[in-house]
PDB file of N, CA and C in Angstrom:
ATOM      1  N   UNK A   1       4.102   6.963  11.497  1.00  0.00           N
ATOM      2  CA  UNK A   1       2.901   6.505  10.845  1.00  0.00           C
ATOM      3  C   UNK A   1       2.777   4.984  10.980  1.00  0.00           C
ATOM      4  N   UNK A   2       3.871   4.268  10.765  1.00  0.00           N
ATOM      5  CA  UNK A   2       3.832   2.809  10.847  1.00  0.00           C
ATOM      6  C   UNK A   2       3.456   2.353  12.254  1.00  0.00           C
ATOM      7  N   UNK A   3       3.899   3.079  13.248  1.00  0.00           N
ATOM      8  CA  UNK A   3       3.584   2.712  14.625  1.00  0.00           C
ATOM      9  C   UNK A   3       2.078   2.704  14.859  1.00  0.00           C
ATOM     10  N   UNK A   4       1.374   3.650  14.286  1.00  0.00           N
ATOM     11  CA  UNK A   4      -0.061   3.781  14.517  1.00  0.00           C
ATOM     12  C   UNK A   4      -0.933   3.158  13.438  1.00  0.00           C
ATOM     13  N   UNK A   5      -0.389   2.994  12.207  1.00  0.00           N
ATOM     14  CA  UNK A   5      -1.238   2.617  11.075  1.00  0.00           C
ATOM     15  C   UNK A   5      -0.668   1.537  10.160  1.00  0.00           C
ATOM     16  N   UNK A   6       0.257   0.733  10.637  1.00  0.00           N
ATOM     17  CA  UNK A   6       0.901  -0.234   9.742  1.00  0.00           C
ATOM     18  C   UNK A   6      -0.099  -1.167   9.077  1.00  0.00           C
ATOM     19  N   UNK A   7      -1.038  -1.694   9.825  1.00  0.00           N
ATOM     20  CA  UNK A   7      -2.016  -2.607   9.221  1.00  0.00           C
ATOM     21  C   UNK A   7      -2.810  -1.893   8.122  1.00  0.00           C
ATOM     22  N   UNK A   8      -3.300  -0.700   8.407  1.00  0.00           N
ATOM     23  CA  UNK A   8      -4.072   0.056   7.423  1.00  0.00           C
ATOM     24  C   UNK A   8      -3.215   0.366   6.192  1.00  0.00           C
ATOM     25  N   UNK A   9      -1.981   0.757   6.411  1.00  0.00           N
ATOM     26  CA  UNK A   9      -1.079   1.058   5.292  1.00  0.00           C
ATOM     27  C   UNK A   9      -0.881  -0.176   4.418  1.00  0.00           C
ATOM     28  N   UNK A  10      -0.631  -1.311   5.052  1.00  0.00           N
ATOM     29  CA  UNK A  10      -0.382  -2.535   4.297  1.00  0.00           C
ATOM     30  C   UNK A  10      -1.638  -2.989   3.557  1.00  0.00           C
ATOM     31  N   UNK A  11      -2.786  -2.895   4.215  1.00  0.00           N
ATOM     32  CA  UNK A  11      -4.045  -3.265   3.573  1.00  0.00           C
ATOM     33  C   UNK A  11      -4.312  -2.391   2.351  1.00  0.00           C
ATOM     34  N   UNK A  12      -4.155  -1.083   2.500  1.00  0.00           N
ATOM     35  CA  UNK A  12      -4.397  -0.175   1.375  1.00  0.00           C
ATOM     36  C   UNK A  12      -3.403  -0.410   0.239  1.00  0.00           C
ATOM     37  N   UNK A  13      -2.178  -0.741   0.580  1.00  0.00           N
ATOM     38  CA  UNK A  13      -1.188  -1.055  -0.455  1.00  0.00           C
ATOM     39  C   UNK A  13      -1.651  -2.270  -1.254  1.00  0.00           C
ATOM     40  N   UNK A  14      -2.142  -3.293  -0.568  1.00  0.00           N
ATOM     41  CA  UNK A  14      -2.637  -4.486  -1.265  1.00  0.00           C
ATOM     42  C   UNK A  14      -3.855  -4.161  -2.127  1.00  0.00           C
ATOM     43  N   UNK A  15      -4.776  -3.379  -1.589  1.00  0.00           N
ATOM     44  CA  UNK A  15      -5.964  -3.005  -2.363  1.00  0.00           C
ATOM     45  C   UNK A  15      -5.551  -2.242  -3.614  1.00  0.00           C
ATOM     46  N   UNK A  16      -4.760  -1.198  -3.446  1.00  0.00           N
ATOM     47  CA  UNK A  16      -4.404  -0.312  -4.555  1.00  0.00           C
ATOM     48  C   UNK A  16      -3.604  -1.021  -5.642  1.00  0.00           C
ATOM     49  N   UNK A  17      -2.820  -2.008  -5.271  1.00  0.00           N
ATOM     50  CA  UNK A  17      -2.039  -2.755  -6.258  1.00  0.00           C
ATOM     51  C   UNK A  17      -2.789  -3.963  -6.811  1.00  0.00           C
ATOM     52  N   UNK A  18      -4.014  -4.183  -6.346  1.00  0.00           N
ATOM     53  CA  UNK A  18      -4.781  -5.320  -6.821  1.00  0.00           C
ATOM     54  C   UNK A  18      -4.237  -6.638  -6.307  1.00  0.00           C
ATOM     55  N   UNK A  19      -3.806  -6.646  -5.048  1.00  0.00           N
ATOM     56  CA  UNK A  19      -3.210  -7.834  -4.439  1.00  0.00           C
ATOM     57  C   UNK A  19      -3.909  -8.236  -3.143  1.00  0.00           C
ATOM     58  N   UNK A  20      -5.155  -7.862  -3.005  1.00  0.00           N
ATOM     59  CA  UNK A  20      -5.885  -8.145  -1.776  1.00  0.00           C
ATOM     60  C   UNK A  20      -6.118  -9.641  -1.578  1.00  0.00           C
ATOM     61  N   UNK A  21      -6.302 -10.374  -2.660  1.00  0.00           N
ATOM     62  CA  UNK A  21      -6.489 -11.833  -2.566  1.00  0.00           C
ATOM     63  C   UNK A  21      -5.324 -12.511  -1.855  1.00  0.00           C
ATOM     64  N   UNK A  22      -4.155 -11.934  -1.954  1.00  0.00           N
ATOM     65  CA  UNK A  22      -2.986 -12.532  -1.312  1.00  0.00           C
ATOM     66  C   UNK A  22      -3.145 -12.651   0.197  1.00  0.00           C
ATOM     67  N   UNK A  23      -3.944 -11.756   0.778  1.00  0.00           N
ATOM     68  CA  UNK A  23      -4.102 -11.812   2.234  1.00  0.00           C
ATOM     69  C   UNK A  23      -5.524 -12.187   2.666  1.00  0.00           C
ATOM     70  N   UNK A  24      -6.529 -11.915   1.831  1.00  0.00           N
ATOM     71  CA  UNK A  24      -7.905 -12.183   2.234  1.00  0.00           C
ATOM     72  C   UNK A  24      -8.589 -13.288   1.440  1.00  0.00           C
ATOM     73  N   UNK A  25      -7.933 -13.799   0.420  1.00  0.00           N
ATOM     74  CA  UNK A  25      -8.495 -14.912  -0.324  1.00  0.00           C
ATOM     75  C   UNK A  25      -9.330 -14.510  -1.532  1.00  0.00           C
ATOM     76  N   UNK A  26      -9.900 -15.539  -2.177  1.00  0.00           N
ATOM     77  CA  UNK A  26     -10.604 -15.372  -3.452  1.00  0.00           C
ATOM     78  C   UNK A  26     -11.824 -14.467  -3.389  1.00  0.00           C
ATOM     79  N   UNK A  27     -12.363 -14.267  -2.227  1.00  0.00           N
ATOM     80  CA  UNK A  27     -13.572 -13.442  -2.124  1.00  0.00           C
ATOM     81  C   UNK A  27     -13.327 -11.987  -2.539  1.00  0.00           C
ATOM     82  N   UNK A  28     -12.079 -11.578  -2.614  1.00  0.00           N
ATOM     83  CA  UNK A  28     -11.756 -10.195  -2.981  1.00  0.00           C
ATOM     84  C   UNK A  28     -11.245 -10.081  -4.423  1.00  0.00           C
ATOM     85  N   UNK A  29     -11.453 -11.123  -5.209  1.00  0.00           N
ATOM     86  CA  UNK A  29     -10.953 -11.136  -6.581  1.00  0.00           C
ATOM     87  C   UNK A  29     -11.503  -9.989  -7.423  1.00  0.00           C
ATOM     88  N   UNK A  30     -12.775  -9.669  -7.291  1.00  0.00           N
ATOM     89  CA  UNK A  30     -13.369  -8.577  -8.082  1.00  0.00           C
ATOM     90  C   UNK A  30     -12.706  -7.242  -7.756  1.00  0.00           C
ATOM     91  N   UNK A  31     -12.391  -7.021  -6.500  1.00  0.00           N
ATOM     92  CA  UNK A  31     -11.707  -5.790  -6.094  1.00  0.00           C
ATOM     93  C   UNK A  31     -10.318  -5.754  -6.730  1.00  0.00           C
ATOM     94  N   UNK A  32      -9.616  -6.872  -6.677  1.00  0.00           N
ATOM     95  CA  UNK A  32      -8.279  -6.938  -7.279  1.00  0.00           C
ATOM     96  C   UNK A  32      -8.332  -6.651  -8.774  1.00  0.00           C
ATOM     97  N   UNK A  33      -9.288  -7.218  -9.465  1.00  0.00           N
ATOM     98  CA  UNK A  33      -9.400  -6.992 -10.912  1.00  0.00           C
ATOM     99  C   UNK A  33      -9.639  -5.515 -11.200  1.00  0.00           C
ATOM    100  N   UNK A  34     -10.519  -4.906 -10.436  1.00  0.00           N
ATOM    101  CA  UNK A  34     -10.819  -3.487 -10.618  1.00  0.00           C
ATOM    102  C   UNK A  34      -9.563  -2.631 -10.473  1.00  0.00           C
ATOM    103  N   UNK A  35      -8.810  -2.871  -9.401  1.00  0.00           N
ATOM    104  CA  UNK A  35      -7.626  -2.048  -9.161  1.00  0.00           C
ATOM    105  C   UNK A  35      -6.467  -2.394 -10.085  1.00  0.00           C
ATOM    106  N   UNK A  36      -6.356  -3.639 -10.496  1.00  0.00           N
ATOM    107  CA  UNK A  36      -5.309  -3.970 -11.473  1.00  0.00           C
ATOM    108  C   UNK A  36      -5.593  -3.291 -12.812  1.00  0.00           C
ATOM    109  N   UNK A  37      -6.846  -3.183 -13.163  1.00  0.00           N
ATOM    110  CA  UNK A  37      -7.190  -2.485 -14.402  1.00  0.00           C
ATOM    111  C   UNK A  37      -6.800  -1.013 -14.351  1.00  0.00           C
ATOM    112  N   UNK A  38      -6.851  -0.424 -13.176  1.00  0.00           N
ATOM    113  CA  UNK A  38      -6.458   0.985 -13.040  1.00  0.00           C
ATOM    114  C   UNK A  38      -4.948   1.163 -13.032  1.00  0.00           C
ATOM    115  N   UNK A  39      -4.208   0.104 -12.764  1.00  0.00           N
ATOM    116  CA  UNK A  39      -2.744   0.094 -12.830  1.00  0.00           C
ATOM    117  C   UNK A  39      -2.079   1.121 -11.915  1.00  0.00           C
ATOM    118  N   UNK A  40      -2.640   1.331 -10.746  1.00  0.00           N
ATOM    119  CA  UNK A  40      -2.045   2.286  -9.804  1.00  0.00           C
ATOM    120  C   UNK A  40      -0.610   1.921  -9.457  1.00  0.00           C
ATOM    121  N   UNK A  41      -0.336   0.655  -9.270  1.00  0.00           N
ATOM    122  CA  UNK A  41       1.020   0.232  -8.932  1.00  0.00           C
ATOM    123  C   UNK A  41       2.007   0.548 -10.030  1.00  0.00           C
ATOM    124  N   UNK A  42       1.642   0.230 -11.255  1.00  0.00           N
ATOM    125  CA  UNK A  42       2.528   0.492 -12.398  1.00  0.00           C
ATOM    126  C   UNK A  42       2.748   1.995 -12.589  1.00  0.00           C
ATOM    127  N   UNK A  43       1.689   2.768 -12.447  1.00  0.00           N
ATOM    128  CA  UNK A  43       1.806   4.222 -12.589  1.00  0.00           C
ATOM    129  C   UNK A  43       2.688   4.791 -11.477  1.00  0.00           C
ATOM    130  N   UNK A  44       2.504   4.304 -10.256  1.00  0.00           N
ATOM    131  CA  UNK A  44       3.325   4.786  -9.134  1.00  0.00           C
ATOM    132  C   UNK A  44       4.795   4.483  -9.369  1.00  0.00           C
ATOM    133  N   UNK A  45       5.096   3.277  -9.855  1.00  0.00           N
ATOM    134  CA  UNK A  45       6.488   2.924 -10.156  1.00  0.00           C
ATOM    135  C   UNK A  45       7.073   3.860 -11.209  1.00  0.00           C
ATOM    136  N   UNK A  46       6.294   4.141 -12.238  1.00  0.00           N
ATOM    137  CA  UNK A  46       6.749   5.024 -13.312  1.00  0.00           C
ATOM    138  C   UNK A  46       6.937   6.462 -12.814  1.00  0.00           C
ATOM    139  N   UNK A  47       6.000   6.940 -12.025  1.00  0.00           N
ATOM    140  CA  UNK A  47       6.079   8.315 -11.521  1.00  0.00           C
ATOM    141  C   UNK A  47       7.257   8.489 -10.561  1.00  0.00           C
ATOM    142  N   UNK A  48       7.509   7.489  -9.755  1.00  0.00           N
ATOM    143  CA  UNK A  48       8.655   7.562  -8.844  1.00  0.00           C
ATOM    144  C   UNK A  48       9.950   7.675  -9.644  1.00  0.00           C
ATOM    145  N   UNK A  49      10.072   6.888 -10.691  1.00  0.00           N
ATOM    146  CA  UNK A  49      11.282   6.918 -11.518  1.00  0.00           C
ATOM    147  C   UNK A  49      11.466   8.276 -12.201  1.00  0.00           C
ATOM    148  N   UNK A  50      10.367   8.946 -12.511  1.00  0.00           N
ATOM    149  CA  UNK A  50      10.433  10.235 -13.209  1.00  0.00           C
ATOM    150  C   UNK A  50      10.504  11.428 -12.248  1.00  0.00           C
ATOM    151  N   UNK A  51      10.345  11.182 -10.989  1.00  0.00           N
ATOM    152  CA  UNK A  51      10.286  12.245  -9.991  1.00  0.00           C
ATOM    153  C   UNK A  51      11.640  12.914  -9.798  1.00  0.00           C
ATOM    154  N   UNK A  52      11.616  14.195  -9.431  1.00  0.00           N
ATOM    155  CA  UNK A  52      12.874  14.894  -9.154  1.00  0.00           C
ATOM    156  C   UNK A  52      13.540  14.260  -7.933  1.00  0.00           C
ATOM    157  N   UNK A  53      14.850  14.403  -7.858  1.00  0.00           N
ATOM    158  CA  UNK A  53      15.650  13.721  -6.838  1.00  0.00           C
ATOM    159  C   UNK A  53      15.230  14.079  -5.417  1.00  0.00           C
ATOM    160  N   UNK A  54      14.906  15.340  -5.157  1.00  0.00           N
ATOM    161  CA  UNK A  54      14.525  15.741  -3.796  1.00  0.00           C
ATOM    162  C   UNK A  54      13.219  15.081  -3.361  1.00  0.00           C
ATOM    163  N   UNK A  55      12.233  15.062  -4.230  1.00  0.00           N
ATOM    164  CA  UNK A  55      10.950  14.441  -3.894  1.00  0.00           C
ATOM    165  C   UNK A  55      11.109  12.936  -3.706  1.00  0.00           C
ATOM    166  N   UNK A  56      11.844  12.311  -4.606  1.00  0.00           N
ATOM    167  CA  UNK A  56      12.089  10.872  -4.505  1.00  0.00           C
ATOM    168  C   UNK A  56      12.823  10.554  -3.194  1.00  0.00           C
ATOM    169  N   UNK A  57      13.772  11.402  -2.835  1.00  0.00           N
ATOM    170  CA  UNK A  57      14.528  11.207  -1.602  1.00  0.00           C
ATOM    171  C   UNK A  57      13.613  11.234  -0.373  1.00  0.00           C
ATOM    172  N   UNK A  58      12.626  12.117  -0.366  1.00  0.00           N
ATOM    173  CA  UNK A  58      11.677  12.190   0.747  1.00  0.00           C
ATOM    174  C   UNK A  58      10.852  10.906   0.858  1.00  0.00           C
ATOM    175  N   UNK A  59      10.375  10.416  -0.276  1.00  0.00           N
ATOM    176  CA  UNK A  59       9.585   9.186  -0.270  1.00  0.00           C
ATOM    177  C   UNK A  59      10.433   7.985   0.141  1.00  0.00           C
ATOM    178  N   UNK A  60      11.684   7.964  -0.273  1.00  0.00           N
ATOM    179  CA  UNK A  60      12.586   6.875   0.106  1.00  0.00           C
ATOM    180  C   UNK A  60      12.908   6.922   1.599  1.00  0.00           C
ATOM    181  N   UNK A  61      13.057   8.125   2.145  1.00  0.00           N
ATOM    182  CA  UNK A  61      13.309   8.267   3.583  1.00  0.00           C
ATOM    183  C   UNK A  61      12.093   7.780   4.383  1.00  0.00           C
ATOM    184  N   UNK A  62      10.910   8.111   3.913  1.00  0.00           N
ATOM    185  CA  UNK A  62       9.685   7.643   4.560  1.00  0.00           C
ATOM    186  C   UNK A  62       9.641   6.114   4.544  1.00  0.00           C
ATOM    187  N   UNK A  63       9.953   5.520   3.395  1.00  0.00           N
ATOM    188  CA  UNK A  63       9.965   4.054   3.265  1.00  0.00           C
ATOM    189  C   UNK A  63      10.980   3.433   4.229  1.00  0.00           C
ATOM    190  N   UNK A  64      12.141   4.048   4.345  1.00  0.00           N
ATOM    191  CA  UNK A  64      13.152   3.529   5.291  1.00  0.00           C
ATOM    192  C   UNK A  64      12.616   3.554   6.717  1.00  0.00           C
ATOM    193  N   UNK A  65      11.893   4.603   7.061  1.00  0.00           N
ATOM    194  CA  UNK A  65      11.313   4.699   8.405  1.00  0.00           C
ATOM    195  C   UNK A  65      10.275   3.616   8.652  1.00  0.00           C
ATOM    196  N   UNK A  66       9.412   3.376   7.681  1.00  0.00           N
ATOM    197  CA  UNK A  66       8.406   2.320   7.810  1.00  0.00           C
ATOM    198  C   UNK A  66       9.105   0.970   7.957  1.00  0.00           C
ATOM    199  N   UNK A  67      10.103   0.726   7.128  1.00  0.00           N
ATOM    200  CA  UNK A  67      10.824  -0.553   7.176  1.00  0.00           C
ATOM    201  C   UNK A  67      11.587  -0.728   8.483  1.00  0.00           C
ATOM    202  N   UNK A  68      12.105   0.354   9.010  1.00  0.00           N
ATOM    203  CA  UNK A  68      12.784   0.284  10.305  1.00  0.00           C
ATOM    204  C   UNK A  68      11.790  -0.160  11.387  1.00  0.00           C
ATOM    205  N   UNK A  69      10.611   0.426  11.357  1.00  0.00           N
ATOM    206  CA  UNK A  69       9.592   0.032  12.338  1.00  0.00           C
ATOM    207  C   UNK A  69       9.229  -1.447  12.170  1.00  0.00           C
ATOM    208  N   UNK A  70       9.034  -1.893  10.948  1.00  0.00           N
ATOM    209  CA  UNK A  70       8.685  -3.298  10.701  1.00  0.00           C
ATOM    210  C   UNK A  70       9.771  -4.218  11.253  1.00  0.00           C
ATOM    211  N   UNK A  71      11.017  -3.896  10.973  1.00  0.00           N
ATOM    212  CA  UNK A  71      12.126  -4.729  11.454  1.00  0.00           C
ATOM    213  C   UNK A  71      12.231  -4.718  12.973  1.00  0.00           C
ATOM    214  N   UNK A  72      12.075  -3.557  13.571  1.00  0.00           N
ATOM    215  CA  UNK A  72      12.200  -3.435  15.031  1.00  0.00           C
ATOM    216  C   UNK A  72      11.055  -4.130  15.770  1.00  0.00           C
ATOM    217  N   UNK A  73       9.911  -4.280  15.105  1.00  0.00           N
ATOM    218  CA  UNK A  73       8.728  -4.840  15.765  1.00  0.00           C
ATOM    219  C   UNK A  73       8.248  -6.125  15.094  1.00  0.00           C
ATOM    220  N   UNK A  74       9.142  -6.806  14.426  1.00  0.00           N
ATOM    221  CA  UNK A  74       8.809  -8.018  13.672  1.00  0.00           C
ATOM    222  C   UNK A  74       8.007  -9.022  14.503  1.00  0.00           C
ATOM    223  N   UNK A  75       8.304  -9.121  15.784  1.00  0.00           N
ATOM    224  CA  UNK A  75       7.607 -10.074  16.655  1.00  0.00           C
ATOM    225  C   UNK A  75       6.407  -9.468  17.382  1.00  0.00           C
ATOM    226  N   UNK A  76       6.144  -8.187  17.146  1.00  0.00           N
ATOM    227  CA  UNK A  76       5.042  -7.510  17.836  1.00  0.00           C
ATOM    228  C   UNK A  76       4.274  -6.616  16.868  1.00  0.00           C
ATOM    229  N   UNK A  77       3.925  -7.159  15.728  1.00  0.00           N
ATOM    230  CA  UNK A  77       3.168  -6.404  14.733  1.00  0.00           C
ATOM    231  C   UNK A  77       1.697  -6.357  15.135  1.00  0.00           C
ATOM    232  N   UNK A  78       0.919  -5.472  14.522  1.00  0.00           N
ATOM    233  CA  UNK A  78      -0.507  -5.416  14.849  1.00  0.00           C
ATOM    234  C   UNK A  78      -1.183  -6.787  14.727  1.00  0.00           C
ATOM    235  N   UNK A  79      -2.204  -6.973  15.512  1.00  0.00           N
ATOM    236  CA  UNK A  79      -2.914  -8.247  15.627  1.00  0.00           C
ATOM    237  C   UNK A  79      -3.380  -8.804  14.280  1.00  0.00           C
ATOM    238  N   UNK A  80      -3.795  -7.946  13.375  1.00  0.00           N
ATOM    239  CA  UNK A  80      -4.313  -8.400  12.074  1.00  0.00           C
ATOM    240  C   UNK A  80      -3.303  -9.264  11.322  1.00  0.00           C
ATOM    241  N   UNK A  81      -2.034  -8.947  11.439  1.00  0.00           N
ATOM    242  CA  UNK A  81      -1.011  -9.754  10.763  1.00  0.00           C
ATOM    243  C   UNK A  81      -0.982 -11.172  11.331  1.00  0.00           C
ATOM    244  N   UNK A  82      -1.108 -11.291  12.637  1.00  0.00           N
ATOM    245  CA  UNK A  82      -1.133 -12.617  13.266  1.00  0.00           C
ATOM    246  C   UNK A  82      -2.393 -13.380  12.879  1.00  0.00           C
ATOM    247  N   UNK A  83      -3.529 -12.706  12.902  1.00  0.00           N
ATOM    248  CA  UNK A  83      -4.790 -13.366  12.566  1.00  0.00           C
ATOM    249  C   UNK A  83      -4.801 -13.895  11.132  1.00  0.00           C
ATOM    250  N   UNK A  84      -4.167 -13.166  10.234  1.00  0.00           N
ATOM    251  CA  UNK A  84      -4.125 -13.576   8.829  1.00  0.00           C
ATOM    252  C   UNK A  84      -2.860 -14.357   8.489  1.00  0.00           C
ATOM    253  N   UNK A  85      -2.003 -14.560   9.478  1.00  0.00           N
ATOM    254  CA  UNK A  85      -0.791 -15.378   9.353  1.00  0.00           C
ATOM    255  C   UNK A  85       0.125 -14.936   8.219  1.00  0.00           C
ATOM    256  N   UNK A  86       0.441 -13.657   8.200  1.00  0.00           N
ATOM    257  CA  UNK A  86       1.426 -13.171   7.243  1.00  0.00           C
ATOM    258  C   UNK A  86       2.184 -11.991   7.815  1.00  0.00           C
ATOM    259  N   UNK A  87       3.334 -11.724   7.217  1.00  0.00           N
ATOM    260  CA  UNK A  87       4.175 -10.593   7.613  1.00  0.00           C
ATOM    261  C   UNK A  87       4.186  -9.592   6.458  1.00  0.00           C
ATOM    262  N   UNK A  88       4.211  -8.309   6.772  1.00  0.00           N
ATOM    263  CA  UNK A  88       4.232  -7.319   5.689  1.00  0.00           C
ATOM    264  C   UNK A  88       5.562  -7.352   4.928  1.00  0.00           C
ATOM    265  N   UNK A  89       5.470  -7.131   3.641  1.00  0.00           N
ATOM    266  CA  UNK A  89       6.667  -7.005   2.815  1.00  0.00           C
ATOM    267  C   UNK A  89       7.295  -5.641   3.094  1.00  0.00           C
ATOM    268  N   UNK A  90       8.569  -5.478   2.764  1.00  0.00           N
ATOM    269  CA  UNK A  90       9.190  -4.159   2.950  1.00  0.00           C
ATOM    270  C   UNK A  90       8.414  -3.076   2.194  1.00  0.00           C
ATOM    271  N   UNK A  91       8.361  -1.918   2.798  1.00  0.00           N
ATOM    272  CA  UNK A  91       7.687  -0.771   2.199  1.00  0.00           C
ATOM    273  C   UNK A  91       8.582  -0.184   1.124  1.00  0.00           C
ATOM    274  N   UNK A  92       7.986   0.180   0.004  1.00  0.00           N
ATOM    275  CA  UNK A  92       8.734   0.816  -1.080  1.00  0.00           C
ATOM    276  C   UNK A  92       8.225   2.240  -1.248  1.00  0.00           C
ATOM    277  N   UNK A  93       9.081   3.098  -1.728  1.00  0.00           N
ATOM    278  CA  UNK A  93       8.685   4.491  -1.933  1.00  0.00           C
ATOM    279  C   UNK A  93       7.458   4.581  -2.827  1.00  0.00           C
ATOM    280  N   UNK A  94       7.379   3.739  -3.837  1.00  0.00           N
ATOM    281  CA  UNK A  94       6.237   3.756  -4.753  1.00  0.00           C
ATOM    282  C   UNK A  94       4.942   3.341  -4.060  1.00  0.00           C
ATOM    283  N   UNK A  95       5.025   2.599  -2.961  1.00  0.00           N
ATOM    284  CA  UNK A  95       3.813   2.199  -2.244  1.00  0.00           C
ATOM    285  C   UNK A  95       3.053   3.423  -1.733  1.00  0.00           C
ATOM    286  N   UNK A  96       3.768   4.429  -1.311  1.00  0.00           N
ATOM    287  CA  UNK A  96       3.127   5.656  -0.832  1.00  0.00           C
ATOM    288  C   UNK A  96       2.364   6.329  -1.962  1.00  0.00           C
ATOM    289  N   UNK A  97       2.946   6.357  -3.147  1.00  0.00           N
ATOM    290  CA  UNK A  97       2.248   6.933  -4.306  1.00  0.00           C
ATOM    291  C   UNK A  97       1.046   6.086  -4.699  1.00  0.00           C
ATOM    292  N   UNK A  98       1.174   4.783  -4.582  1.00  0.00           N
ATOM    293  CA  UNK A  98       0.075   3.886  -4.925  1.00  0.00           C
ATOM    294  C   UNK A  98      -1.123   4.145  -4.012  1.00  0.00           C
ATOM    295  N   UNK A  99      -0.857   4.289  -2.730  1.00  0.00           N
ATOM    296  CA  UNK A  99      -1.940   4.568  -1.785  1.00  0.00           C
ATOM    297  C   UNK A  99      -2.544   5.943  -2.043  1.00  0.00           C
ATOM    298  N   UNK A 100      -1.723   6.887  -2.437  1.00  0.00           N
ATOM    299  CA  UNK A 100      -2.233   8.219  -2.767  1.00  0.00           C
ATOM    300  C   UNK A 100      -3.222   8.128  -3.925  1.00  0.00           C
ATOM    301  N   UNK A 101      -2.913   7.324  -4.928  1.00  0.00           N
ATOM    302  CA  UNK A 101      -3.836   7.135  -6.057  1.00  0.00           C
ATOM    303  C   UNK A 101      -5.127   6.479  -5.582  1.00  0.00           C
ATOM    304  N   UNK A 102      -5.011   5.494  -4.709  1.00  0.00           N
ATOM    305  CA  UNK A 102      -6.189   4.841  -4.146  1.00  0.00           C
ATOM    306  C   UNK A 102      -7.070   5.855  -3.417  1.00  0.00           C
ATOM    307  N   UNK A 103      -6.440   6.685  -2.586  1.00  0.00           N
ATOM    308  CA  UNK A 103      -7.196   7.680  -1.825  1.00  0.00           C
ATOM    309  C   UNK A 103      -7.867   8.685  -2.755  1.00  0.00           C
ATOM    310  N   UNK A 104      -7.175   9.098  -3.798  1.00  0.00           N
ATOM    311  CA  UNK A 104      -7.766  10.024  -4.758  1.00  0.00           C
ATOM    312  C   UNK A 104      -9.015   9.408  -5.376  1.00  0.00           C
ATOM    313  N   UNK A 105      -8.892   8.164  -5.815  1.00  0.00           N
ATOM    314  CA  UNK A 105     -10.043   7.499  -6.434  1.00  0.00           C
ATOM    315  C   UNK A 105     -11.185   7.370  -5.444  1.00  0.00           C
ATOM    316  N   UNK A 106     -10.895   6.944  -4.243  1.00  0.00           N
ATOM    317  CA  UNK A 106     -11.925   6.729  -3.240  1.00  0.00           C
ATOM    318  C   UNK A 106     -12.618   8.034  -2.866  1.00  0.00           C
ATOM    319  N   UNK A 107     -11.847   9.069  -2.672  1.00  0.00           N
ATOM    320  CA  UNK A 107     -12.423  10.340  -2.229  1.00  0.00           C
ATOM    321  C   UNK A 107     -13.161  11.072  -3.344  1.00  0.00           C
ATOM    322  N   UNK A 108     -12.804  10.809  -4.584  1.00  0.00           N
ATOM    323  CA  UNK A 108     -13.497  11.477  -5.683  1.00  0.00           C
ATOM    324  C   UNK A 108     -14.672  10.663  -6.207  1.00  0.00           C
ATOM    325  N   UNK A 109     -14.814   9.435  -5.733  1.00  0.00           N
ATOM    326  CA  UNK A 109     -15.909   8.578  -6.166  1.00  0.00           C
ATOM    327  C   UNK A 109     -17.092   8.645  -5.215  1.00  0.00           C
ATOM    328  N   UNK A 110     -17.011   9.466  -4.169  1.00  0.00           N
ATOM    329  CA  UNK A 110     -18.090   9.538  -3.187  1.00  0.00           C
ATOM    330  C   UNK A 110     -19.425   9.846  -3.866  1.00  0.00           C
ATOM    331  N   UNK A 111     -20.417   9.048  -3.561  1.00  0.00           N
ATOM    332  CA  UNK A 111     -21.739   9.282  -4.098  1.00  0.00           C
ATOM    333  C   UNK A 111     -21.945   8.773  -5.514  1.00  0.00           C
ATOM    334  N   UNK A 112     -20.901   8.333  -6.189  1.00  0.00           N
ATOM    335  CA  UNK A 112     -21.042   7.854  -7.550  1.00  0.00           C
ATOM    336  C   UNK A 112     -21.303   6.360  -7.533  1.00  0.00           C
ATOM    337  N   UNK A 113     -22.078   5.906  -8.444  1.00  0.00           N
ATOM    338  CA  UNK A 113     -22.313   4.478  -8.578  1.00  0.00           C
ATOM    339  C   UNK A 113     -21.877   4.035  -9.954  1.00  0.00           C
ATOM    340  N   UNK A 114     -21.537   2.765 -10.058  1.00  0.00           N
ATOM    341  CA  UNK A 114     -21.096   2.269 -11.359  1.00  0.00           C
ATOM    342  C   UNK A 114     -22.226   1.666 -12.130  1.00  0.00           C
TER     343      UNK A 114
END
C-alpha cells in the first residue's frame, strides 16, 4: 500500500488527526479544527489499546510494513513530499484506525450540507 499510496495515506492521516496545517499551512486551519473536534486520533489511540491482541497485531504488522517502505525509500519518496519539503513520520497502528474514521465520516456525509 505504501508503495502506491504513501502520499495519500500521509495526507489523510494529517487530515483525520487535525494536523493538516503542519504540511499545508494556515489556510487549512478550519479543516484542522473540525477534525480535532471529532477527536478521531484520540479515539483511534483508545480503540487500539482496547483491541484484542490478534487484531492489534495485524495493525502493528501493517505499520511495520509501511515504515519499512518509508525507510527503504527515504531518498525516493513521492514527489509531494519534496514539493512540501517534509518527510513522513513513522506510521503507527492507530493511524490506520484514524484514517478509517475519516473515511467513514466522508463516505457517510455524501450529499449532506452543514
